[in-house]
Structure formats: C-alpha cells, structure tokens
C-alpha atoms as a PDB file:
ATOM      1  CA  MET A   1      14.300  28.734 -13.173  1.00  0.00           C
ATOM      2  CA  SER A   2      10.925  27.441 -14.235  1.00  0.00           C
ATOM      3  CA  GLY A   3       7.803  26.985 -12.209  1.00  0.00           C
ATOM      4  CA  SER A   4       4.097  27.256 -12.342  1.00  0.00           C
ATOM      5  CA  VAL A   5       2.145  30.360 -11.578  1.00  0.00           C
ATOM      6  CA  THR A   6      -0.969  29.968  -9.469  1.00  0.00           C
ATOM      7  CA  ILE A   7      -3.684  31.997 -11.141  1.00  0.00           C
ATOM      8  CA  CYS A   8      -6.319  31.317  -8.501  1.00  0.00           C
ATOM      9  CA  GLN A   9      -6.409  30.360  -4.864  1.00  0.00           C
ATOM     10  CA  ILE A  10      -8.761  27.643  -3.669  1.00  0.00           C
ATOM     11  CA  PRO A  11     -10.177  28.627  -0.262  1.00  0.00           C
ATOM     12  CA  ASP A  12     -10.218  25.941   2.418  1.00  0.00           C
ATOM     13  CA  ASP A  13     -13.983  26.317   2.846  1.00  0.00           C
ATOM     14  CA  LEU A  14     -14.476  25.464  -0.844  1.00  0.00           C
ATOM     15  CA  LYS A  15     -12.322  22.356  -0.437  1.00  0.00           C
ATOM     16  CA  LYS A  16     -14.480  21.356   2.545  1.00  0.00           C
ATOM     17  CA  GLN A  17     -17.669  21.955   0.554  1.00  0.00           C
ATOM     18  CA  LEU A  18     -16.339  19.691  -2.206  1.00  0.00           C
ATOM     19  CA  ARG A  19     -15.509  16.949   0.305  1.00  0.00           C
ATOM     20  CA  ASP A  20     -19.041  17.244   1.720  1.00  0.00           C
ATOM     21  CA  PHE A  21     -20.511  17.261  -1.798  1.00  0.00           C
ATOM     22  CA  ARG A  22     -18.793  13.961  -2.539  1.00  0.00           C
ATOM     23  CA  PHE A  23     -21.014  12.203   0.025  1.00  0.00           C
ATOM     24  CA  LYS A  24     -24.191  14.231  -0.443  1.00  0.00           C
ATOM     25  CA  HIS A  25     -27.043  12.763  -2.448  1.00  0.00           C
ATOM     26  CA  SER A  26     -28.962  15.068  -4.735  1.00  0.00           C
ATOM     27  CA  GLU A  27     -30.526  14.588  -8.120  1.00  0.00           C
ATOM     28  CA  CYS A  28     -29.722  16.692 -11.161  1.00  0.00           C
ATOM     29  CA  SER A  29     -30.134  15.643 -14.760  1.00  0.00           C
ATOM     30  CA  ILE A  30     -27.573  16.172 -17.486  1.00  0.00           C
ATOM     31  CA  GLU A  31     -30.115  18.400 -19.213  1.00  0.00           C
ATOM     32  CA  GLU A  32     -30.285  20.631 -16.124  1.00  0.00           C
ATOM     33  CA  ILE A  33     -26.504  20.990 -16.168  1.00  0.00           C
ATOM     34  CA  GLN A  34     -26.587  21.832 -19.873  1.00  0.00           C
ATOM     35  CA  ASP A  35     -29.299  24.460 -19.275  1.00  0.00           C
ATOM     36  CA  GLU A  36     -27.217  26.196 -16.590  1.00  0.00           C
ATOM     37  CA  LEU A  37     -24.105  26.624 -18.733  1.00  0.00           C
ATOM     38  CA  PRO A  38     -23.674  29.956 -20.541  1.00  0.00           C
ATOM     39  CA  ASP A  39     -23.103  30.035 -24.290  1.00  0.00           C
ATOM     40  CA  GLN A  40     -19.980  32.229 -24.296  1.00  0.00           C
ATOM     41  CA  GLN A  41     -18.221  31.767 -20.930  1.00  0.00           C
ATOM     42  CA  PRO A  42     -16.069  28.915 -19.640  1.00  0.00           C
ATOM     43  CA  ARG A  43     -17.058  27.090 -16.473  1.00  0.00           C
ATOM     44  CA  PHE A  44     -15.773  24.406 -14.144  1.00  0.00           C
ATOM     45  CA  VAL A  45     -18.465  21.862 -13.288  1.00  0.00           C
ATOM     46  CA  VAL A  46     -17.854  19.424 -10.436  1.00  0.00           C
ATOM     47  CA  ILE A  47     -20.100  16.406 -10.718  1.00  0.00           C
ATOM     48  CA  SER A  48     -20.608  13.123  -8.945  1.00  0.00           C
ATOM     49  CA  TYR A  49     -22.798  10.598 -10.673  1.00  0.00           C
ATOM     50  CA  GLU A  50     -23.629   6.909 -10.580  1.00  0.00           C
ATOM     51  CA  LEU A  51     -21.166   4.932 -12.675  1.00  0.00           C
ATOM     52  CA  LYS A  52     -21.951   1.250 -13.251  1.00  0.00           C
ATOM     53  CA  HIS A  53     -18.838  -0.801 -13.971  1.00  0.00           C
ATOM     54  CA  SER A  54     -18.747  -3.851 -16.243  1.00  0.00           C
ATOM     55  CA  ASP A  55     -18.046  -6.111 -13.240  1.00  0.00           C
ATOM     56  CA  GLY A  56     -21.255  -4.993 -11.505  1.00  0.00           C
ATOM     57  CA  ARG A  57     -19.708  -2.505  -9.113  1.00  0.00           C
ATOM     58  CA  VAL A  58     -21.248   0.929  -8.709  1.00  0.00           C
ATOM     59  CA  SER A  59     -19.175   3.993  -7.873  1.00  0.00           C
ATOM     60  CA  PHE A  60     -19.812   7.708  -7.560  1.00  0.00           C
ATOM     61  CA  PRO A  61     -16.684   9.440  -8.874  1.00  0.00           C
ATOM     62  CA  LEU A  62     -16.158  13.127  -8.142  1.00  0.00           C
ATOM     63  CA  CYS A  63     -15.086  14.636 -11.444  1.00  0.00           C
ATOM     64  CA  LEU A  64     -14.245  17.984 -12.967  1.00  0.00           C
ATOM     65  CA  LEU A  65     -15.770  18.947 -16.277  1.00  0.00           C
ATOM     66  CA  PHE A  66     -14.070  21.949 -17.892  1.00  0.00           C
ATOM     67  CA  TYR A  67     -16.499  23.644 -20.260  1.00  0.00           C
ATOM     68  CA  SER A  68     -14.752  26.059 -22.644  1.00  0.00           C
ATOM     69  CA  PRO A  69     -17.125  26.989 -25.469  1.00  0.00           C
ATOM     70  CA  PHE A  70     -16.070  28.111 -28.911  1.00  0.00           C
ATOM     71  CA  GLY A  71     -16.355  31.876 -29.224  1.00  0.00           C
ATOM     72  CA  CYS A  72     -15.550  32.815 -25.637  1.00  0.00           C
ATOM     73  CA  SER A  73     -12.829  35.385 -25.077  1.00  0.00           C
ATOM     74  CA  THR A  74      -9.225  34.259 -25.287  1.00  0.00           C
ATOM     75  CA  GLU A  75      -8.477  35.891 -21.927  1.00  0.00           C
ATOM     76  CA  LEU A  76     -11.148  33.833 -20.163  1.00  0.00           C
ATOM     77  CA  GLN A  77      -9.993  30.638 -21.859  1.00  0.00           C
ATOM     78  CA  ILE A  78      -6.430  31.276 -20.673  1.00  0.00           C
ATOM     79  CA  LEU A  79      -7.512  32.078 -17.108  1.00  0.00           C
ATOM     80  CA  TYR A  80      -9.654  28.974 -16.813  1.00  0.00           C
ATOM     81  CA  ALA A  81      -7.169  26.677 -18.547  1.00  0.00           C
ATOM     82  CA  GLY A  82      -4.374  28.011 -16.341  1.00  0.00           C
ATOM     83  CA  SER A  83      -6.432  27.327 -13.216  1.00  0.00           C
ATOM     84  CA  ARG A  84      -7.590  23.847 -14.163  1.00  0.00           C
ATOM     85  CA  ASN A  85      -4.614  21.784 -12.966  1.00  0.00           C
ATOM     86  CA  HIS A  86      -4.385  23.739  -9.726  1.00  0.00           C
ATOM     87  CA  LEU A  87      -8.088  23.117  -9.036  1.00  0.00           C
ATOM     88  CA  VAL A  88      -7.769  19.413  -9.882  1.00  0.00           C
ATOM     89  CA  ASN A  89      -4.781  18.974  -7.559  1.00  0.00           C
ATOM     90  CA  ALA A  90      -5.959  21.211  -4.714  1.00  0.00           C
ATOM     91  CA  CYS A  91      -9.398  19.590  -4.566  1.00  0.00           C
ATOM     92  CA  ASP A  92      -8.328  15.997  -5.296  1.00  0.00           C
ATOM     93  CA  LEU A  93     -10.441  15.723  -8.447  1.00  0.00           C
ATOM     94  CA  ARG A  94      -8.719  12.743 -10.009  1.00  0.00           C
ATOM     95  CA  LYS A  95     -10.841  12.542 -13.124  1.00  0.00           C
ATOM     96  CA  ASN A  96     -11.372  15.500 -15.419  1.00  0.00           C
ATOM     97  CA  ALA A  97     -12.333  16.213 -18.996  1.00  0.00           C
ATOM     98  CA  GLU A  98     -12.901  19.160 -21.298  1.00  0.00           C
ATOM     99  CA  VAL A  99     -15.833  19.907 -23.577  1.00  0.00           C
ATOM    100  CA  ARG A 100     -16.286  22.703 -26.083  1.00  0.00           C
ATOM    101  CA  GLU A 101     -19.999  22.321 -26.818  1.00  0.00           C
ATOM    102  CA  ILE A 102     -22.894  21.827 -24.421  1.00  0.00           C
ATOM    103  CA  GLU A 103     -24.264  18.996 -26.557  1.00  0.00           C
ATOM    104  CA  GLU A 104     -21.107  16.961 -25.866  1.00  0.00           C
ATOM    105  CA  ILE A 105     -22.184  16.522 -22.250  1.00  0.00           C
ATOM    106  CA  THR A 106     -24.014  13.201 -22.279  1.00  0.00           C
ATOM    107  CA  LYS A 107     -24.136  10.117 -20.067  1.00  0.00           C
ATOM    108  CA  GLU A 108     -22.109   8.249 -22.691  1.00  0.00           C
ATOM    109  CA  PHE A 109     -19.436  10.969 -22.691  1.00  0.00           C
ATOM    110  CA  LEU A 110     -19.211  10.970 -18.889  1.00  0.00           C
ATOM    111  CA  ASP A 111     -18.967   7.176 -18.791  1.00  0.00           C
ATOM    112  CA  SER A 112     -16.237   7.122 -21.441  1.00  0.00           C
ATOM    113  CA  LYS A 113     -14.143   9.826 -19.763  1.00  0.00           C
ATOM    114  CA  PHE A 114     -14.640   8.982 -16.094  1.00  0.00           C
ATOM    115  CA  SER A 115     -14.857   5.177 -15.954  1.00  0.00           C
END
C-alpha cells in the first residue's frame, strides 16, 4: 500500500487569507522580496504580480515560489520539499517554481516560469 504522508496541515484561515490576497492590491518590489529571504533557510513565497501576455492581455497569477538555498540543512529541505505539493494543491496555487539562489528571483524568471 502506497500513499503520501501529509507533513503539514494548511489551516482554513490561511486558505482564506490566500484567497483574499489574490484580489488585494499592494506593491512590493522583487528586491524587497529578495531582502526578506534568509540566506540559509528555505521559504515558501506566495506572489501575485502583473503579467503582460504577448496578445496584450494582463493577468495577475497567484504563484508559489519555493526558495531552498544551497547550504541549508537537509532536514529543512526535506520538510519543505515534502510540504510543497500539499500546499500547492490545498491552496490552489497552479503555478509554482523553485529557486536555489536569491539572485535567481527576477522579473524575467517569474515571467518565464509563470506565463
């Protein structure tokens, strides 16, 4: 018998906050996000940003960015990696990507991964 083990639970109030966040307008630069990330600990970053499509449409996708820096503990990497799919599914985050270095987080990277 095989199955998946849920490493974390996603509280309903967090799911509601994410739904509200999807339609909330606030400004934050990519540099501000980079500055908030620690050097040695993984993080999940949920972002919504303006994405301009080649046909002229504009959308604001809600996306998960999994930041797992080189040098962080193996235990933390396993915990976060094991929780990623559950978080994506439970919170309806259809687009997600992983980065290992803060400098990878750029507008071009987001556009290439989330368009």
